[in-house]
């Protein structure tokens, strides 16, 4: 699960940069505190948080899975 979380964190950070959004902007958009977004994106939140779906939706991203070795 750590590898999945790391991939999601990277994708979210890239998308934030593409959209010229800050973590605070994202927090406001999904209705959570900026510190919570920071904790998610730095891996301080250990489990997959419920906010992931809201974060992905806010950035127009979807989580896609594939077999290892297939990208």
N, C-alpha and C. Protein backbone atom coordinates (compact mmCIF):
# COMPACT_ATOMS: atom_id res chain seq x y z
N UNK A 1 0.82 -1.19 0.00
CA UNK A 1 0.00 0.00 0.00
C UNK A 1 0.86 1.26 0.00
N UNK A 2 2.06 1.17 0.59
CA UNK A 2 2.93 2.35 0.63
C UNK A 2 3.30 2.82 -0.77
N UNK A 3 3.55 1.88 -1.68
CA UNK A 3 3.90 2.26 -3.05
C UNK A 3 2.72 2.94 -3.73
N UNK A 4 1.52 2.47 -3.48
CA UNK A 4 0.33 3.09 -4.06
C UNK A 4 0.18 4.50 -3.51
N UNK A 5 0.29 4.64 -2.21
CA UNK A 5 0.19 5.97 -1.61
C UNK A 5 1.25 6.92 -2.15
N UNK A 6 2.47 6.42 -2.32
CA UNK A 6 3.55 7.25 -2.86
C UNK A 6 3.22 7.70 -4.28
N UNK A 7 2.67 6.81 -5.08
CA UNK A 7 2.28 7.17 -6.45
C UNK A 7 1.17 8.22 -6.45
N UNK A 8 0.22 8.04 -5.58
CA UNK A 8 -0.87 9.01 -5.50
C UNK A 8 -0.32 10.37 -5.06
N UNK A 9 0.52 10.36 -4.05
CA UNK A 9 1.10 11.63 -3.58
C UNK A 9 1.85 12.33 -4.70
N UNK A 10 2.65 11.58 -5.46
CA UNK A 10 3.39 12.18 -6.58
C UNK A 10 2.44 12.76 -7.62
N UNK A 11 1.42 11.99 -7.97
CA UNK A 11 0.46 12.45 -8.99
C UNK A 11 -0.27 13.71 -8.53
N UNK A 12 -0.64 13.74 -7.26
CA UNK A 12 -1.34 14.92 -6.73
C UNK A 12 -0.41 16.14 -6.76
N UNK A 13 0.84 15.96 -6.35
CA UNK A 13 1.79 17.08 -6.35
C UNK A 13 2.03 17.60 -7.76
N UNK A 14 2.16 16.69 -8.71
CA UNK A 14 2.36 17.10 -10.11
C UNK A 14 1.14 17.87 -10.60
N UNK A 15 -0.05 17.34 -10.30
CA UNK A 15 -1.28 17.99 -10.77
C UNK A 15 -1.46 19.36 -10.11
N UNK A 16 -1.12 19.47 -8.83
CA UNK A 16 -1.19 20.78 -8.18
C UNK A 16 -0.31 21.79 -8.92
N UNK A 17 0.90 21.37 -9.27
CA UNK A 17 1.81 22.25 -9.99
C UNK A 17 1.24 22.62 -11.36
N UNK A 18 0.69 21.63 -12.06
CA UNK A 18 0.10 21.88 -13.38
C UNK A 18 -1.03 22.91 -13.29
N UNK A 19 -1.80 22.84 -12.22
CA UNK A 19 -2.94 23.74 -12.04
C UNK A 19 -2.56 25.03 -11.31
N UNK A 20 -1.29 25.16 -10.96
CA UNK A 20 -0.80 26.31 -10.21
C UNK A 20 -1.62 26.51 -8.93
N UNK A 21 -1.89 25.38 -8.26
CA UNK A 21 -2.65 25.39 -7.01
C UNK A 21 -1.73 25.12 -5.84
N UNK A 22 -2.06 25.68 -4.70
CA UNK A 22 -1.33 25.38 -3.47
C UNK A 22 -2.07 24.28 -2.71
N UNK A 23 -1.40 23.74 -1.72
CA UNK A 23 -2.06 22.76 -0.86
C UNK A 23 -3.22 23.41 -0.12
N UNK A 24 -3.07 24.69 0.23
CA UNK A 24 -4.16 25.41 0.90
C UNK A 24 -5.36 25.56 -0.03
N UNK A 25 -5.10 25.84 -1.32
CA UNK A 25 -6.20 25.92 -2.30
C UNK A 25 -6.93 24.58 -2.37
N UNK A 26 -6.17 23.51 -2.40
CA UNK A 26 -6.76 22.18 -2.48
C UNK A 26 -7.58 21.88 -1.23
N UNK A 27 -7.03 22.23 -0.07
CA UNK A 27 -7.74 22.00 1.19
C UNK A 27 -9.08 22.72 1.19
N UNK A 28 -9.08 23.94 0.73
CA UNK A 28 -10.33 24.71 0.68
C UNK A 28 -11.32 24.05 -0.28
N UNK A 29 -10.82 23.59 -1.41
CA UNK A 29 -11.69 22.98 -2.42
C UNK A 29 -12.35 21.70 -1.93
N UNK A 30 -11.63 20.91 -1.13
CA UNK A 30 -12.19 19.64 -0.66
C UNK A 30 -12.77 19.71 0.75
N UNK A 31 -12.66 20.88 1.38
CA UNK A 31 -13.29 21.07 2.68
C UNK A 31 -12.55 20.46 3.86
N UNK A 32 -11.23 20.49 3.80
CA UNK A 32 -10.43 20.01 4.93
C UNK A 32 -9.42 21.10 5.30
N UNK A 33 -8.75 20.92 6.43
CA UNK A 33 -7.75 21.90 6.86
C UNK A 33 -6.47 21.73 6.05
N UNK A 34 -5.78 22.85 5.77
CA UNK A 34 -4.51 22.76 5.02
C UNK A 34 -3.50 21.81 5.66
N UNK A 35 -3.45 21.77 6.98
CA UNK A 35 -2.50 20.88 7.64
C UNK A 35 -2.80 19.41 7.33
N UNK A 36 -4.08 19.08 7.18
CA UNK A 36 -4.46 17.71 6.85
C UNK A 36 -3.97 17.33 5.47
N UNK A 37 -4.11 18.25 4.51
CA UNK A 37 -3.60 18.00 3.15
C UNK A 37 -2.09 17.81 3.21
N UNK A 38 -1.41 18.66 3.97
CA UNK A 38 0.04 18.53 4.11
C UNK A 38 0.41 17.18 4.71
N UNK A 39 -0.31 16.77 5.75
CA UNK A 39 -0.04 15.47 6.38
C UNK A 39 -0.24 14.32 5.40
N UNK A 40 -1.27 14.43 4.57
CA UNK A 40 -1.52 13.39 3.56
C UNK A 40 -0.36 13.33 2.56
N UNK A 41 0.02 14.50 2.06
CA UNK A 41 1.02 14.54 1.00
C UNK A 41 2.44 14.27 1.48
N UNK A 42 2.66 14.32 2.78
CA UNK A 42 3.98 13.98 3.30
C UNK A 42 4.01 12.59 3.90
N UNK A 43 2.88 11.90 3.86
CA UNK A 43 2.83 10.53 4.34
C UNK A 43 2.64 10.39 5.83
N UNK A 44 2.34 11.49 6.51
CA UNK A 44 2.12 11.42 7.97
C UNK A 44 0.83 10.70 8.31
N UNK A 45 -0.13 10.72 7.41
CA UNK A 45 -1.37 9.98 7.60
C UNK A 45 -1.08 8.57 7.11
N UNK A 46 -1.09 7.60 8.02
CA UNK A 46 -0.63 6.26 7.72
C UNK A 46 -1.51 5.44 6.80
N UNK A 47 -2.83 5.54 6.97
CA UNK A 47 -3.71 4.74 6.14
C UNK A 47 -4.22 5.58 4.98
N UNK A 48 -4.83 4.95 4.02
CA UNK A 48 -5.41 5.70 2.91
C UNK A 48 -6.60 6.48 3.47
N UNK A 49 -6.53 7.80 3.48
CA UNK A 49 -7.60 8.58 4.07
C UNK A 49 -8.81 8.69 3.16
N UNK A 50 -9.98 8.89 3.78
CA UNK A 50 -11.21 9.06 3.02
C UNK A 50 -11.13 10.26 2.09
N UNK A 51 -10.31 11.23 2.44
CA UNK A 51 -10.22 12.45 1.64
C UNK A 51 -9.58 12.21 0.27
N UNK A 52 -8.90 11.07 0.06
CA UNK A 52 -8.25 10.83 -1.24
C UNK A 52 -9.23 11.01 -2.39
N UNK A 53 -10.42 10.42 -2.27
CA UNK A 53 -11.37 10.51 -3.38
C UNK A 53 -11.73 11.96 -3.67
N UNK A 54 -11.97 12.74 -2.64
CA UNK A 54 -12.28 14.16 -2.84
C UNK A 54 -11.11 14.89 -3.47
N UNK A 55 -9.89 14.57 -3.03
CA UNK A 55 -8.70 15.22 -3.58
C UNK A 55 -8.55 14.87 -5.05
N UNK A 56 -8.69 13.59 -5.38
CA UNK A 56 -8.55 13.18 -6.78
C UNK A 56 -9.63 13.83 -7.64
N UNK A 57 -10.85 13.89 -7.16
CA UNK A 57 -11.93 14.53 -7.91
C UNK A 57 -11.67 16.02 -8.11
N UNK A 58 -11.17 16.69 -7.08
CA UNK A 58 -10.91 18.12 -7.16
C UNK A 58 -9.85 18.45 -8.20
N UNK A 59 -8.95 17.49 -8.45
CA UNK A 59 -7.86 17.70 -9.41
C UNK A 59 -8.12 17.02 -10.75
N UNK A 60 -9.33 16.50 -10.91
CA UNK A 60 -9.71 15.80 -12.14
C UNK A 60 -8.76 14.64 -12.43
N UNK A 61 -8.46 13.87 -11.38
CA UNK A 61 -7.62 12.68 -11.50
C UNK A 61 -8.44 11.46 -11.11
N UNK A 62 -8.03 10.32 -11.61
CA UNK A 62 -8.64 9.06 -11.17
C UNK A 62 -7.53 8.07 -10.87
N UNK A 63 -7.77 7.22 -9.91
CA UNK A 63 -6.81 6.19 -9.56
C UNK A 63 -7.02 5.02 -10.49
N UNK A 64 -5.98 4.65 -11.19
CA UNK A 64 -6.04 3.54 -12.13
C UNK A 64 -5.04 2.49 -11.69
N UNK A 65 -5.49 1.26 -11.66
CA UNK A 65 -4.57 0.18 -11.30
C UNK A 65 -4.27 -0.68 -12.51
N UNK A 66 -3.11 -1.28 -12.49
CA UNK A 66 -2.73 -2.18 -13.57
C UNK A 66 -1.83 -3.26 -12.98
N UNK A 67 -1.65 -4.32 -13.73
CA UNK A 67 -0.75 -5.38 -13.29
C UNK A 67 0.67 -4.86 -13.26
N UNK A 68 1.45 -5.38 -12.34
CA UNK A 68 2.86 -4.98 -12.29
C UNK A 68 3.51 -5.26 -13.64
N UNK A 69 4.36 -4.33 -14.04
CA UNK A 69 5.03 -4.51 -15.32
C UNK A 69 4.26 -3.91 -16.49
N UNK A 70 3.01 -3.61 -16.28
CA UNK A 70 2.21 -2.96 -17.31
C UNK A 70 1.96 -1.53 -16.85
N UNK A 71 2.24 -0.60 -17.71
CA UNK A 71 2.00 0.78 -17.34
C UNK A 71 0.98 1.33 -18.17
